[in-house]
Amino acid sequence: MSSTIEKALQRQQQEQARKKAEQEGTTSLERAVSAEKAKKSSDAPTENPPKAVAESSQATESVERVVQPEREPDNKQPFHIDLQRLEANGHISLTGERKQINEEYREIKRKLLSNAFGPLAKTLHNSNIIMVTSGRPSEGKTFTATNLAMSIAAEQDKTVLLVDADVLKPNVLNTLGLERRRGLVEYLSGEVADIADVLYPTNIDKLKIIPAGKSHHLTTELLASQKMHETVDEFANRYPDRIVIFDTPPLIGITETAVLANFAGQAVVVTEEGKSKIPDIRHCVDRLNPDMAIGFVVNKSVNQDTEGTGYYGYYYAERKS
């Protein structure tokens, strides 16, 4: 009897243990399934994030836009000079055509290059900086400056930088048929940080241009600034094979030109035959730096060739000291 009771008790304990194990197994399985569901839910993208989260994301994007503004496109496309147009307007030819004007500018540039790189260069400050000016407007200084620049650019071992420093009445771009761009004034006034940003290449391989830029009420102060002085010195000394031509305002009655004369080692004074007066020419010389090499170009000098047609003549004569 006692044995029977013990067996019954054992079976009862075994049954209780079995049920307990089944309950614990079910709970563990449910926990595992629940955990798996929670993991999948957290990995899935939220289609409709809470409003607070969305607003936070928009605020972050707004801050990024303020900290990193979009950079303006760099307008450094080369200037394309229409050489055939210039030839038709009386400029020198760079397309191989033999013209009298080419020979005339060869004579002028030979003297300038000799002054810039020959024995006289040791006695001149910034001998490779050449200012082209005139006594009064409309005597042909910009026409002369652009032709000189193109003629020197045709040299095998020289590069040319043409700077439109006539900030009062800029005419280089107009003469060459080019569109207006930022230039010297923007750099000197601080609107442009680097002079390289306003130094434009051209389709003439060895010719670069710095436009005058926009008008400014402090042009004299800008041109007389230490920044201008340092810029010209860099032009003069950075590249040993470079000629820098400044197209400057007329000398008579313009303060800016006398300021620029302190930076250049050579000056080319353009005169117009039959128009320029001797007192004006003397006044021009008086306003230039006496230590400069000063030459004169006689513009619009009509000569007769064998066919009886006229052409413009240009003559360079160094001032006697």
C-alpha atoms as a PDB file:
ATOM      1  CA  MET A   1       0.000   0.000   0.000  1.00  0.00           C
ATOM      2  CA  SER A   2       2.748   2.336   0.935  1.00  0.00           C
ATOM      3  CA  SER A   3       4.540   1.532  -2.327  1.00  0.00           C
ATOM      4  CA  THR A   4       1.467   2.419  -4.308  1.00  0.00           C
ATOM      5  CA  ILE A   5       1.147   5.802  -2.595  1.00  0.00           C
ATOM      6  CA  GLU A   6       4.811   6.602  -3.230  1.00  0.00           C
ATOM      7  CA  LYS A   7       4.428   5.801  -6.920  1.00  0.00           C
ATOM      8  CA  ALA A   8       1.376   8.009  -7.128  1.00  0.00           C
ATOM      9  CA  LEU A   9       3.220  10.873  -5.495  1.00  0.00           C
ATOM     10  CA  GLN A  10       6.128  10.453  -7.874  1.00  0.00           C
ATOM     11  CA  ARG A  11       3.820  10.518 -10.910  1.00  0.00           C
ATOM     12  CA  GLN A  12       2.166  13.670  -9.520  1.00  0.00           C
ATOM     13  CA  GLN A  13       5.534  15.378  -9.077  1.00  0.00           C
ATOM     14  CA  GLN A  14       6.602  14.340 -12.564  1.00  0.00           C
ATOM     15  CA  GLU A  15       3.401  15.731 -14.048  1.00  0.00           C
ATOM     16  CA  GLN A  16       3.855  19.036 -12.219  1.00  0.00           C
ATOM     17  CA  ALA A  17       7.478  19.246 -13.422  1.00  0.00           C
ATOM     18  CA  ARG A  18       6.404  18.554 -17.001  1.00  0.00           C
ATOM     19  CA  LYS A  19       3.762  21.306 -16.964  1.00  0.00           C
ATOM     20  CA  LYS A  20       6.203  23.750 -15.423  1.00  0.00           C
ATOM     21  CA  ALA A  21       8.770  22.992 -18.119  1.00  0.00           C
ATOM     22  CA  GLU A  22       6.168  23.447 -20.849  1.00  0.00           C
ATOM     23  CA  GLN A  23       5.147  26.818 -19.391  1.00  0.00           C
ATOM     24  CA  GLU A  24       8.767  28.003 -19.169  1.00  0.00           C
ATOM     25  CA  GLY A  25       9.450  26.890 -22.753  1.00  0.00           C
ATOM     26  CA  THR A  26       6.467  28.771 -24.064  1.00  0.00           C
ATOM     27  CA  THR A  27       7.506  31.915 -22.230  1.00  0.00           C
ATOM     28  CA  SER A  28      11.039  31.752 -23.640  1.00  0.00           C
ATOM     29  CA  LEU A  29       9.716  31.247 -27.146  1.00  0.00           C
ATOM     30  CA  GLU A  30       7.354  34.187 -26.799  1.00  0.00           C
ATOM     31  CA  ARG A  31      10.180  36.334 -25.532  1.00  0.00           C
ATOM     32  CA  ALA A  32      12.366  35.380 -28.493  1.00  0.00           C
ATOM     33  CA  VAL A  33       9.602  36.104 -30.995  1.00  0.00           C
ATOM     34  CA  SER A  34       8.857  39.427 -29.334  1.00  0.00           C
ATOM     35  CA  ALA A  35      12.527  40.413 -29.403  1.00  0.00           C
ATOM     36  CA  GLU A  36      12.781  39.534 -33.094  1.00  0.00           C
ATOM     37  CA  LYS A  37       9.741  41.623 -33.914  1.00  0.00           C
ATOM     38  CA  ALA A  38      11.141  44.572 -31.966  1.00  0.00           C
ATOM     39  CA  LYS A  39      14.456  44.319 -33.879  1.00  0.00           C
ATOM     40  CA  LYS A  40      12.738  44.290 -37.278  1.00  0.00           C
ATOM     41  CA  SER A  41      10.612  47.250 -36.231  1.00  0.00           C
ATOM     42  CA  SER A  42      13.682  49.309 -35.234  1.00  0.00           C
ATOM     43  CA  ASP A  43      15.532  48.486 -38.513  1.00  0.00           C
ATOM     44  CA  ALA A  44      12.643  49.460 -40.761  1.00  0.00           C
ATOM     45  CA  PRO A  45      12.625  53.089 -42.165  1.00  0.00           C
ATOM     46  CA  THR A  46      10.160  55.435 -40.569  1.00  0.00           C
ATOM     47  CA  GLU A  47       7.778  56.749 -43.210  1.00  0.00           C
ATOM     48  CA  ASN A  48       6.269  59.393 -40.974  1.00  0.00           C
ATOM     49  CA  PRO A  49       8.825  60.509 -38.358  1.00  0.00           C
ATOM     50  CA  PRO A  50       7.546  62.386 -35.371  1.00  0.00           C
ATOM     51  CA  LYS A  51       7.108  66.085 -35.955  1.00  0.00           C
ATOM     52  CA  ALA A  52       9.820  67.026 -33.466  1.00  0.00           C
ATOM     53  CA  VAL A  53      12.354  64.803 -35.257  1.00  0.00           C
ATOM     54  CA  ALA A  54      11.412  66.247 -38.656  1.00  0.00           C
ATOM     55  CA  GLU A  55      11.793  69.792 -37.392  1.00  0.00           C
ATOM     56  CA  SER A  56      15.204  68.938 -35.931  1.00  0.00           C
ATOM     57  CA  SER A  57      16.336  67.532 -39.279  1.00  0.00           C
ATOM     58  CA  GLN A  58      15.219  70.664 -41.135  1.00  0.00           C
ATOM     59  CA  ALA A  59      17.031  72.857 -38.640  1.00  0.00           C
ATOM     60  CA  THR A  60      20.267  70.904 -39.175  1.00  0.00           C
ATOM     61  CA  GLU A  61      20.022  71.300 -42.953  1.00  0.00           C
ATOM     62  CA  SER A  62      19.420  75.016 -42.524  1.00  0.00           C
ATOM     63  CA  VAL A  63      22.537  75.395 -40.378  1.00  0.00           C
ATOM     64  CA  GLU A  64      24.608  73.496 -42.952  1.00  0.00           C
ATOM     65  CA  ARG A  65      23.452  75.859 -45.692  1.00  0.00           C
ATOM     66  CA  VAL A  66      24.514  78.870 -43.622  1.00  0.00           C
ATOM     67  CA  VAL A  67      27.910  77.454 -42.674  1.00  0.00           C
ATOM     68  CA  GLN A  68      28.737  76.197 -46.189  1.00  0.00           C
ATOM     69  CA  PRO A  69      27.176  78.580 -48.740  1.00  0.00           C
ATOM     70  CA  GLU A  70      27.206  77.585 -52.363  1.00  0.00           C
ATOM     71  CA  ARG A  71      30.308  78.976 -54.130  1.00  0.00           C
ATOM     72  CA  GLU A  72      29.736  81.360 -57.006  1.00  0.00           C
ATOM     73  CA  PRO A  73      30.902  80.025 -60.381  1.00  0.00           C
ATOM     74  CA  ASP A  74      34.436  81.120 -61.310  1.00  0.00           C
ATOM     75  CA  ASN A  75      34.301  83.382 -64.355  1.00  0.00           C
ATOM     76  CA  LYS A  76      37.773  82.563 -65.685  1.00  0.00           C
ATOM     77  CA  GLN A  77      36.841  81.638 -69.222  1.00  0.00           C
ATOM     78  CA  PRO A  78      39.582  82.911 -71.554  1.00  0.00           C
ATOM     79  CA  PHE A  79      38.948  86.085 -73.494  1.00  0.00           C
ATOM     80  CA  HIS A  80      38.511  85.275 -77.169  1.00  0.00           C
ATOM     81  CA  ILE A  81      40.011  88.031 -79.317  1.00  0.00           C
ATOM     82  CA  ASP A  82      38.728  88.200 -82.875  1.00  0.00           C
ATOM     83  CA  LEU A  83      42.011  88.708 -84.713  1.00  0.00           C
ATOM     84  CA  GLN A  84      40.410  89.189 -88.115  1.00  0.00           C
ATOM     85  CA  ARG A  85      38.173  91.927 -86.708  1.00  0.00           C
ATOM     86  CA  LEU A  86      41.198  93.705 -85.275  1.00  0.00           C
ATOM     87  CA  GLU A  87      43.068  93.471 -88.575  1.00  0.00           C
ATOM     88  CA  ALA A  88      40.059  94.948 -90.364  1.00  0.00           C
ATOM     89  CA  ASN A  89      40.133  97.833 -87.842  1.00  0.00           C
ATOM     90  CA  GLY A  90      43.782  98.601 -88.586  1.00  0.00           C
ATOM     91  CA  HIS A  91      45.556  96.578 -85.900  1.00  0.00           C
ATOM     92  CA  ILE A  92      48.597  94.411 -86.490  1.00  0.00           C
ATOM     93  CA  SER A  93      48.149  90.982 -88.020  1.00  0.00           C
ATOM     94  CA  LEU A  94      48.832  87.782 -86.072  1.00  0.00           C
ATOM     95  CA  THR A  95      47.477  85.505 -88.800  1.00  0.00           C
ATOM     96  CA  GLY A  96      50.570  85.624 -91.004  1.00  0.00           C
ATOM     97  CA  GLU A  97      49.561  88.478 -93.281  1.00  0.00           C
ATOM     98  CA  ARG A  98      52.399  90.917 -93.950  1.00  0.00           C
ATOM     99  CA  LYS A  99      51.342  94.452 -93.096  1.00  0.00           C
ATOM    100  CA  GLN A 100      53.247  97.700 -92.780  1.00  0.00           C
ATOM    101  CA  ILE A 101      51.901  98.258 -89.288  1.00  0.00           C
ATOM    102  CA  ASN A 102      53.521  94.995 -88.144  1.00  0.00           C
ATOM    103  CA  GLU A 103      56.931  96.279 -89.185  1.00  0.00           C
ATOM    104  CA  GLU A 104      56.360  99.593 -87.459  1.00  0.00           C
ATOM    105  CA  TYR A 105      55.477  97.943 -84.165  1.00  0.00           C
ATOM    106  CA  ARG A 106      58.462  95.623 -84.471  1.00  0.00           C
ATOM    107  CA  GLU A 107      60.695  98.687 -84.477  1.00  0.00           C
ATOM    108  CA  ILE A 108      58.941 100.133 -81.440  1.00  0.00           C
ATOM    109  CA  LYS A 109      58.995  96.947 -79.396  1.00  0.00           C
ATOM    110  CA  ARG A 110      62.681  96.256 -80.118  1.00  0.00           C
ATOM    111  CA  LYS A 111      63.638  99.446 -78.278  1.00  0.00           C
ATOM    112  CA  LEU A 112      61.275  98.661 -75.399  1.00  0.00           C
ATOM    113  CA  LEU A 113      62.569  95.092 -75.040  1.00  0.00           C
ATOM    114  CA  SER A 114      66.145  96.323 -75.132  1.00  0.00           C
ATOM    115  CA  ASN A 115      65.377  98.774 -72.333  1.00  0.00           C
ATOM    116  CA  ALA A 116      63.580  96.073 -70.346  1.00  0.00           C
ATOM    117  CA  PHE A 117      66.178  93.300 -70.583  1.00  0.00           C
ATOM    118  CA  GLY A 118      69.364  94.891 -71.946  1.00  0.00           C
ATOM    119  CA  PRO A 119      72.145  96.859 -70.231  1.00  0.00           C
ATOM    120  CA  LEU A 120      69.853  99.813 -69.482  1.00  0.00           C
ATOM    121  CA  ALA A 121      67.583  97.569 -67.388  1.00  0.00           C
ATOM    122  CA  LYS A 122      70.084  97.720 -64.526  1.00  0.00           C
ATOM    123  CA  THR A 123      69.580 101.479 -64.250  1.00  0.00           C
ATOM    124  CA  LEU A 124      65.762 101.376 -64.335  1.00  0.00           C
ATOM    125  CA  HIS A 125      63.344 100.458 -61.572  1.00  0.00           C
ATOM    126  CA  ASN A 126      60.847  97.892 -62.917  1.00  0.00           C
ATOM    127  CA  SER A 127      62.272  98.122 -66.423  1.00  0.00           C
ATOM    128  CA  ASN A 128      59.737  95.569 -67.716  1.00  0.00           C
ATOM    129  CA  ILE A 129      56.773  97.700 -66.573  1.00  0.00           C
ATOM    130  CA  ILE A 130      55.708  99.951 -69.448  1.00  0.00           C
ATOM    131  CA  MET A 131      53.022 102.594 -69.163  1.00  0.00           C
ATOM    132  CA  VAL A 132      51.349 103.800 -72.356  1.00  0.00           C
ATOM    133  CA  THR A 133      49.785 107.234 -72.082  1.00  0.00           C
ATOM    134  CA  SER A 134      49.089 110.428 -73.989  1.00  0.00           C
ATOM    135  CA  GLY A 135      48.727 114.120 -73.284  1.00  0.00           C
ATOM    136  CA  ARG A 136      45.012 114.282 -73.923  1.00  0.00           C
ATOM    137  CA  PRO A 137      42.198 111.854 -74.797  1.00  0.00           C
ATOM    138  CA  SER A 138      41.671 110.384 -78.284  1.00  0.00           C
ATOM    139  CA  GLU A 139      45.320 110.467 -79.350  1.00  0.00           C
ATOM    140  CA  GLY A 140      45.513 106.680 -79.746  1.00  0.00           C
ATOM    141  CA  LYS A 141      47.069 105.382 -76.517  1.00  0.00           C
ATOM    142  CA  THR A 142      44.795 102.322 -76.163  1.00  0.00           C
ATOM    143  CA  PHE A 143      45.262 101.467 -79.842  1.00  0.00           C
ATOM    144  CA  THR A 144      49.024 101.664 -79.272  1.00  0.00           C
ATOM    145  CA  ALA A 145      48.934  99.677 -76.018  1.00  0.00           C
ATOM    146  CA  THR A 146      46.930  96.805 -77.503  1.00  0.00           C
ATOM    147  CA  ASN A 147      49.110  96.624 -80.617  1.00  0.00           C
ATOM    148  CA  LEU A 148      52.285  96.633 -78.539  1.00  0.00           C
ATOM    149  CA  ALA A 149      50.900  93.856 -76.339  1.00  0.00           C
ATOM    150  CA  MET A 150      50.015  91.670 -79.312  1.00  0.00           C
ATOM    151  CA  SER A 151      53.304  92.374 -81.066  1.00  0.00           C
ATOM    152  CA  ILE A 152      55.368  91.431 -77.999  1.00  0.00           C
ATOM    153  CA  ALA A 153      53.198  88.328 -77.465  1.00  0.00           C
ATOM    154  CA  ALA A 154      54.384  87.161 -80.885  1.00  0.00           C
ATOM    155  CA  GLU A 155      57.932  86.904 -79.508  1.00  0.00           C
ATOM    156  CA  GLN A 156      59.179  83.372 -78.918  1.00  0.00           C
ATOM    157  CA  ASP A 157      60.536  83.963 -75.420  1.00  0.00           C
ATOM    158  CA  LYS A 158      58.336  86.706 -73.943  1.00  0.00           C
ATOM    159  CA  THR A 159      54.944  86.819 -72.249  1.00  0.00           C
ATOM    160  CA  VAL A 160      52.753  89.896 -71.936  1.00  0.00           C
ATOM    161  CA  LEU A 161      50.303  91.114 -69.323  1.00  0.00           C
ATOM    162  CA  LEU A 162      48.070  93.961 -70.546  1.00  0.00           C
ATOM    163  CA  VAL A 163      46.520  95.933 -67.668  1.00  0.00           C
ATOM    164  CA  ASP A 164      43.752  98.454 -68.281  1.00  0.00           C
ATOM    165  CA  ALA A 165      44.695 101.023 -65.651  1.00  0.00           C
ATOM    166  CA  ASP A 166      42.584 103.774 -67.214  1.00  0.00           C
ATOM    167  CA  VAL A 167      40.047 103.260 -64.458  1.00  0.00           C
ATOM    168  CA  LEU A 168      38.316 106.541 -65.273  1.00  0.00           C
ATOM    169  CA  LYS A 169      37.571 105.672 -68.898  1.00  0.00           C
ATOM    170  CA  PRO A 170      38.580 102.064 -69.589  1.00  0.00           C
ATOM    171  CA  ASN A 171      38.825 101.160 -73.251  1.00  0.00           C
ATOM    172  CA  VAL A 172      40.999  98.040 -73.624  1.00  0.00           C
ATOM    173  CA  LEU A 173      38.134  95.552 -73.637  1.00  0.00           C
ATOM    174  CA  ASN A 174      36.099  97.709 -75.990  1.00  0.00           C
ATOM    175  CA  THR A 175      39.035  98.083 -78.387  1.00  0.00           C
ATOM    176  CA  LEU A 176      39.600  94.319 -78.436  1.00  0.00           C
ATOM    177  CA  GLY A 177      35.871  93.599 -78.777  1.00  0.00           C
ATOM    178  CA  LEU A 178      35.608  91.833 -75.403  1.00  0.00           C
ATOM    179  CA  GLU A 179      32.883  91.724 -72.771  1.00  0.00           C
ATOM    180  CA  ARG A 180      33.256  93.531 -69.452  1.00  0.00           C
ATOM    181  CA  ARG A 181      34.476  91.581 -66.434  1.00  0.00           C
ATOM    182  CA  ARG A 182      35.738  92.237 -62.929  1.00  0.00           C
ATOM    183  CA  GLY A 183      39.206  93.713 -62.820  1.00  0.00           C
ATOM    184  CA  LEU A 184      41.813  95.870 -61.135  1.00  0.00           C
ATOM    185  CA  VAL A 185      39.417  98.059 -59.133  1.00  0.00           C
ATOM    186  CA  GLU A 186      37.627  95.067 -57.618  1.00  0.00           C
ATOM    187  CA  TYR A 187      40.971  93.638 -56.512  1.00  0.00           C
ATOM    188  CA  LEU A 188      42.332  96.872 -55.043  1.00  0.00           C
ATOM    189  CA  SER A 189      39.049  97.601 -53.222  1.00  0.00           C
ATOM    190  CA  GLY A 190      39.012  94.133 -51.648  1.00  0.00           C
ATOM    191  CA  GLU A 191      35.970  92.759 -53.471  1.00  0.00           C
ATOM    192  CA  VAL A 192      38.264  90.147 -55.027  1.00  0.00           C
ATOM    193  CA  ALA A 193      40.784  88.481 -52.745  1.00  0.00           C
ATOM    194  CA  ASP A 194      43.384  87.332 -55.277  1.00  0.00           C
ATOM    195  CA  ILE A 195      44.764  89.184 -58.300  1.00  0.00           C
ATOM    196  CA  ALA A 196      44.708  85.842 -60.135  1.00  0.00           C
ATOM    197  CA  ASP A 197      40.892  86.006 -60.050  1.00  0.00           C
ATOM    198  CA  VAL A 198      40.920  89.015 -62.398  1.00  0.00           C
ATOM    199  CA  LEU A 199      43.863  87.936 -64.581  1.00  0.00           C
ATOM    200  CA  TYR A 200      42.346  86.384 -67.677  1.00  0.00           C
ATOM    201  CA  PRO A 201      44.037  84.259 -70.325  1.00  0.00           C
ATOM    202  CA  THR A 202      43.288  84.895 -73.995  1.00  0.00           C
ATOM    203  CA  ASN A 203      43.328  82.893 -77.201  1.00  0.00           C
ATOM    204  CA  ILE A 204      46.692  84.565 -77.887  1.00  0.00           C
ATOM    205  CA  ASP A 205      48.885  82.083 -76.059  1.00  0.00           C
ATOM    206  CA  LYS A 206      51.335  84.516 -74.413  1.00  0.00           C
ATOM    207  CA  LEU A 207      48.915  87.369 -73.721  1.00  0.00           C
ATOM    208  CA  LYS A 208      46.905  87.828 -70.518  1.00  0.00           C
ATOM    209  CA  ILE A 209      44.619  90.724 -69.601  1.00  0.00           C
ATOM    210  CA  ILE A 210      43.527  92.449 -66.400  1.00  0.00           C
ATOM    211  CA  PRO A 211      40.487  94.680 -67.092  1.00  0.00           C
ATOM    212  CA  ALA A 212      39.967  97.973 -65.309  1.00  0.00           C
ATOM    213  CA  GLY A 213      36.804  96.811 -63.573  1.00  0.00           C
ATOM    214  CA  LYS A 214      34.014  99.014 -62.322  1.00  0.00           C
ATOM    215  CA  SER A 215      34.209 102.716 -61.566  1.00  0.00           C
ATOM    216  CA  HIS A 216      35.095 103.806 -58.026  1.00  0.00           C
ATOM    217  CA  HIS A 217      35.118 107.153 -56.243  1.00  0.00           C
ATOM    218  CA  LEU A 218      38.542 106.514 -54.688  1.00  0.00           C
ATOM    219  CA  THR A 219      40.509 105.555 -57.782  1.00  0.00           C
ATOM    220  CA  THR A 220      43.492 107.765 -56.950  1.00  0.00           C
ATOM    221  CA  GLU A 221      43.757 106.346 -53.452  1.00  0.00           C
ATOM    222  CA  LEU A 222      43.407 102.781 -54.719  1.00  0.00           C
ATOM    223  CA  LEU A 223      46.123 103.224 -57.336  1.00  0.00           C
ATOM    224  CA  ALA A 224      48.418 104.905 -54.814  1.00  0.00           C
ATOM    225  CA  SER A 225      47.868 102.221 -52.179  1.00  0.00           C
ATOM    226  CA  GLN A 226      50.494  99.878 -50.775  1.00  0.00           C
ATOM    227  CA  LYS A 227      48.480  97.019 -52.235  1.00  0.00           C
ATOM    228  CA  MET A 228      48.957  98.449 -55.733  1.00  0.00           C
ATOM    229  CA  HIS A 229      52.652  98.982 -55.075  1.00  0.00           C
ATOM    230  CA  GLU A 230      53.115  95.368 -53.971  1.00  0.00           C
ATOM    231  CA  THR A 231      51.082  94.094 -56.923  1.00  0.00           C
ATOM    232  CA  VAL A 232      53.235  95.961 -59.463  1.00  0.00           C
ATOM    233  CA  ASP A 233      56.413  94.710 -57.777  1.00  0.00           C
ATOM    234  CA  GLU A 234      55.083  91.169 -58.056  1.00  0.00           C
ATOM    235  CA  PHE A 235      54.322  91.744 -61.733  1.00  0.00           C
ATOM    236  CA  ALA A 236      57.851  93.039 -62.276  1.00  0.00           C
ATOM    237  CA  ASN A 237      59.744  90.326 -60.439  1.00  0.00           C
ATOM    238  CA  ARG A 238      57.713  87.129 -60.484  1.00  0.00           C
ATOM    239  CA  TYR A 239      58.298  86.208 -64.128  1.00  0.00           C
ATOM    240  CA  PRO A 240      61.657  87.186 -65.655  1.00  0.00           C
ATOM    241  CA  ASP A 241      60.346  86.929 -69.224  1.00  0.00           C
ATOM    242  CA  ARG A 242      57.229  89.048 -68.721  1.00  0.00           C
ATOM    243  CA  ILE A 243      56.462  92.500 -70.069  1.00  0.00           C
ATOM    244  CA  VAL A 244      53.625  94.339 -68.310  1.00  0.00           C
ATOM    245  CA  ILE A 245      51.876  97.069 -70.301  1.00  0.00           C
ATOM    246  CA  PHE A 246      49.681  99.520 -68.418  1.00  0.00           C
ATOM    247  CA  ASP A 247      47.190 101.486 -70.486  1.00  0.00           C
ATOM    248  CA  THR A 248      46.928 104.568 -68.292  1.00  0.00           C
ATOM    249  CA  PRO A 249      44.780 107.728 -68.425  1.00  0.00           C
ATOM    250  CA  PRO A 250      46.058 110.824 -70.252  1.00  0.00           C
ATOM    251  CA  LEU A 251      48.680 112.787 -68.333  1.00  0.00           C
ATOM    252  CA  ILE A 252      47.240 116.285 -68.495  1.00  0.00           C
ATOM    253  CA  GLY A 253      44.731 116.985 -65.736  1.00  0.00           C
ATOM    254  CA  ILE A 254      44.555 113.402 -64.422  1.00  0.00           C
ATOM    255  CA  THR A 255      46.061 112.666 -61.017  1.00  0.00           C
ATOM    256  CA  GLU A 256      45.949 108.866 -61.400  1.00  0.00           C
ATOM    257  CA  THR A 257      48.462 108.831 -64.251  1.00  0.00           C
ATOM    258  CA  ALA A 258      51.167 110.627 -62.272  1.00  0.00           C
ATOM    259  CA  VAL A 259      50.662 108.063 -59.501  1.00  0.00           C
ATOM    260  CA  LEU A 260      51.125 105.169 -61.914  1.00  0.00           C
ATOM    261  CA  ALA A 261      54.267 106.779 -63.314  1.00  0.00           C
ATOM    262  CA  ASN A 262      55.991 106.038 -60.012  1.00  0.00           C
ATOM    263  CA  PHE A 263      55.612 102.293 -60.593  1.00  0.00           C
ATOM    264  CA  ALA A 264      56.736 101.951 -64.228  1.00  0.00           C
ATOM    265  CA  GLY A 265      60.277 101.831 -65.554  1.00  0.00           C
ATOM    266  CA  GLN A 266      59.350 102.951 -69.059  1.00  0.00           C
ATOM    267  CA  ALA A 267      56.765 105.290 -70.551  1.00  0.00           C
ATOM    268  CA  VAL A 268      55.448 105.488 -74.089  1.00  0.00           C
ATOM    269  CA  VAL A 269      53.783 108.839 -74.752  1.00  0.00           C
ATOM    270  CA  VAL A 270      51.436 108.699 -77.734  1.00  0.00           C
ATOM    271  CA  THR A 271      51.079 111.882 -79.739  1.00  0.00           C
ATOM    272  CA  GLU A 272      48.856 112.590 -82.719  1.00  0.00           C
ATOM    273  CA  GLU A 273      50.422 114.210 -85.719  1.00  0.00           C
ATOM    274  CA  GLY A 274      48.906 117.608 -86.461  1.00  0.00           C
ATOM    275  CA  LYS A 275      47.018 117.686 -83.152  1.00  0.00           C
ATOM    276  CA  SER A 276      49.368 117.277 -80.205  1.00  0.00           C
ATOM    277  CA  LYS A 277      50.965 120.554 -79.179  1.00  0.00           C
ATOM    278  CA  ILE A 278      54.589 120.972 -78.126  1.00  0.00           C
ATOM    279  CA  PRO A 279      53.638 122.606 -74.775  1.00  0.00           C
ATOM    280  CA  ASP A 280      51.406 119.605 -74.020  1.00  0.00           C
ATOM    281  CA  ILE A 281      54.223 117.184 -74.785  1.00  0.00           C
ATOM    282  CA  ARG A 282      56.589 119.091 -72.513  1.00  0.00           C
ATOM    283  CA  HIS A 283      53.957 119.095 -69.798  1.00  0.00           C
ATOM    284  CA  CYS A 284      53.622 115.320 -70.155  1.00  0.00           C
ATOM    285  CA  VAL A 285      57.352 114.833 -69.670  1.00  0.00           C
ATOM    286  CA  ASP A 286      57.319 117.062 -66.589  1.00  0.00           C
ATOM    287  CA  ARG A 287      54.651 114.866 -64.993  1.00  0.00           C
ATOM    288  CA  LEU A 288      56.606 111.641 -65.526  1.00  0.00           C
ATOM    289  CA  ASN A 289      59.278 110.186 -63.294  1.00  0.00           C
ATOM    290  CA  PRO A 290      62.609 111.635 -64.485  1.00  0.00           C
ATOM    291  CA  ASP A 291      64.311 108.282 -63.889  1.00  0.00           C
ATOM    292  CA  MET A 292      62.122 106.534 -66.461  1.00  0.00           C
ATOM    293  CA  ALA A 293      63.034 105.696 -70.044  1.00  0.00           C
ATOM    294  CA  ILE A 294      60.568 107.853 -71.984  1.00  0.00           C
ATOM    295  CA  GLY A 295      59.715 107.387 -75.641  1.00  0.00           C
ATOM    296  CA  PHE A 296      57.246 108.959 -78.044  1.00  0.00           C
ATOM    297  CA  VAL A 297      54.997 107.367 -80.630  1.00  0.00           C
ATOM    298  CA  VAL A 298      53.669 109.620 -83.393  1.00  0.00           C
ATOM    299  CA  ASN A 299      50.216 108.298 -84.211  1.00  0.00           C
ATOM    300  CA  LYS A 300      48.088 108.904 -87.313  1.00  0.00           C
ATOM    301  CA  SER A 301      51.038 110.015 -89.388  1.00  0.00           C
ATOM    302  CA  VAL A 302      49.868 109.581 -92.977  1.00  0.00           C
ATOM    303  CA  ASN A 303      52.461 108.551 -95.539  1.00  0.00           C
ATOM    304  CA  GLN A 304      52.104 107.738 -99.199  1.00  0.00           C
ATOM    305  CA  ASP A 305      53.169 104.360-100.536  1.00  0.00           C
ATOM    306  CA  THR A 306      53.807 103.519-104.163  1.00  0.00           C
ATOM    307  CA  GLU A 307      50.109 103.050-104.851  1.00  0.00           C
ATOM    308  CA  GLY A 308      49.178 106.412-103.434  1.00  0.00           C
ATOM    309  CA  THR A 309      47.231 105.102-100.397  1.00  0.00           C
ATOM    310  CA  GLY A 310      47.858 106.164 -96.833  1.00  0.00           C
ATOM    311  CA  TYR A 311      48.717 104.245 -93.694  1.00  0.00           C
ATOM    312  CA  TYR A 312      49.299 105.056 -90.063  1.00  0.00           C
ATOM    313  CA  GLY A 313      52.890 105.472 -88.946  1.00  0.00           C
ATOM    314  CA  TYR A 314      54.432 104.941 -85.519  1.00  0.00           C
ATOM    315  CA  TYR A 315      57.845 106.198 -84.490  1.00  0.00           C
ATOM    316  CA  TYR A 316      59.733 105.671 -81.234  1.00  0.00           C
ATOM    317  CA  ALA A 317      62.259 108.224 -80.055  1.00  0.00           C
ATOM    318  CA  GLU A 318      63.981 107.987 -76.689  1.00  0.00           C
ATOM    319  CA  ARG A 319      64.156 111.194 -74.689  1.00  0.00           C
ATOM    320  CA  LYS A 320      67.609 112.730 -74.472  1.00  0.00           C
ATOM    321  CA  SER A 321      68.694 113.226 -70.881  1.00  0.00           C
END
